[in-house]
Protein backbone atom coordinates (compact mmCIF):
# COMPACT_ATOMS: atom_id res chain seq x y z
CA UNK A 1 5.60 -2.08 -9.79
CA UNK A 2 2.13 -0.55 -10.32
CA UNK A 3 1.27 2.60 -8.40
CA UNK A 4 -2.05 2.52 -6.54
CA UNK A 5 -2.07 5.99 -5.03
CA UNK A 6 0.04 9.04 -4.24
CA UNK A 7 -0.59 11.63 -1.51
CA UNK A 8 1.50 14.03 0.62
CA UNK A 9 4.70 12.74 -0.99
CA UNK A 10 3.83 9.12 -0.17
CA UNK A 11 3.68 6.57 -2.98
CA UNK A 12 1.65 3.37 -2.60
CA UNK A 13 2.59 0.45 -4.84
CA UNK A 14 1.88 -3.25 -5.23
CA UNK A 15 3.89 -5.95 -7.02
CA UNK A 16 2.31 -8.38 -9.47
CA UNK A 17 2.32 -11.96 -8.13
CA UNK A 18 3.91 -10.89 -4.82
CA UNK A 19 4.36 -13.18 -1.81
CA UNK A 20 1.85 -13.53 1.02
CA UNK A 21 0.64 -12.18 3.37
CA UNK A 22 -1.32 -9.61 1.35
CA UNK A 23 0.50 -6.29 1.59
CA UNK A 24 1.39 -3.08 -0.20
CA UNK A 25 4.57 -1.01 -0.39
CA UNK A 26 4.61 2.55 0.95
CA UNK A 27 7.50 4.80 -0.09
CA UNK A 28 8.36 8.17 1.41
CA UNK A 29 11.54 10.22 1.51
CA UNK A 30 13.80 7.36 0.41
CA UNK A 31 12.31 4.94 2.93
CA UNK A 32 10.05 1.98 2.18
CA UNK A 33 7.74 -0.16 4.29
CA UNK A 34 5.68 -3.25 3.50
CA UNK A 35 2.26 -2.87 5.16
CA UNK A 36 -0.17 -5.72 5.84
CA UNK A 37 -3.55 -5.17 4.24
CA UNK A 38 -5.36 -7.09 6.98
CA UNK A 39 -3.70 -5.76 10.15
CA UNK A 40 -2.19 -2.51 8.74
CA UNK A 41 1.00 -3.40 10.64
CA UNK A 42 4.39 -2.73 9.10
CA UNK A 43 5.81 -6.10 8.08
CA UNK A 44 9.21 -4.85 6.95
CA UNK A 45 11.01 -1.54 6.64
CA UNK A 46 10.29 1.83 8.21
CA UNK A 47 8.57 5.13 7.59
CA UNK A 48 8.78 8.36 9.58
CA UNK A 49 6.01 8.49 12.23
CA UNK A 50 3.90 11.12 10.42
CA UNK A 51 4.08 9.27 7.08
CA UNK A 52 3.29 5.97 8.84
CA UNK A 53 0.21 7.54 10.41
CA UNK A 54 -1.01 8.89 7.07
CA UNK A 55 -0.46 5.50 5.39
CA UNK A 56 -2.44 3.68 8.11
CA UNK A 57 -5.22 6.28 7.94
CA UNK A 58 -5.43 5.93 4.14
CA UNK A 59 -5.28 2.12 4.25
CA UNK A 60 -8.00 1.89 6.89
CA UNK A 61 -10.30 3.89 4.59
CA UNK A 62 -9.46 1.68 1.60
CA UNK A 63 -8.96 -1.84 3.00
CA UNK A 64 -11.59 -3.39 0.72
CA UNK A 65 -10.04 -1.63 -2.30
CA UNK A 66 -6.59 -2.88 -1.27
CA UNK A 67 -7.84 -6.47 -0.94
CA UNK A 68 -9.41 -6.25 -4.40
CA UNK A 69 -6.18 -4.79 -5.85
CA UNK A 70 -4.18 -7.60 -4.19
CA UNK A 71 -6.45 -10.22 -5.75
CA UNK A 72 -5.99 -8.63 -9.17
CA UNK A 73 -2.21 -8.37 -8.71
CA UNK A 74 -2.00 -12.06 -7.79
CA UNK A 75 -3.74 -12.83 -11.11
CA UNK A 76 -1.29 -10.40 -12.82
CA UNK A 77 -4.13 -8.07 -13.80
CA UNK A 78 -4.11 -4.28 -13.64
CA UNK A 79 -4.48 -3.23 -10.01
CA UNK A 80 -6.21 0.07 -10.76
CA UNK A 81 -6.01 3.30 -8.77
CA UNK A 82 -7.23 4.12 -5.27
CA UNK A 83 -8.20 7.65 -4.25
CA UNK A 84 -5.59 9.52 -2.18
CA UNK A 85 -6.17 11.18 1.16
CA UNK A 86 -7.81 14.57 0.65
């Protein structure tokens, strides 16, 4: 599963050819959540509140980049990297 970004111990990944709706996987401390690119809601799984807040903050800054990465992943192309939170 390609890694898009990594910050504050959080890893953001995206599967090639994954199912809809468009989403990404956020991993932190042994927990994983699937996060909607459009609504930024957690679709499945859990993250600790602080990690969830950081993921939503990061995703809101990079929604267009996430949509572009999703479109590439659907076509099984390299998803690229997205800048982490500072």
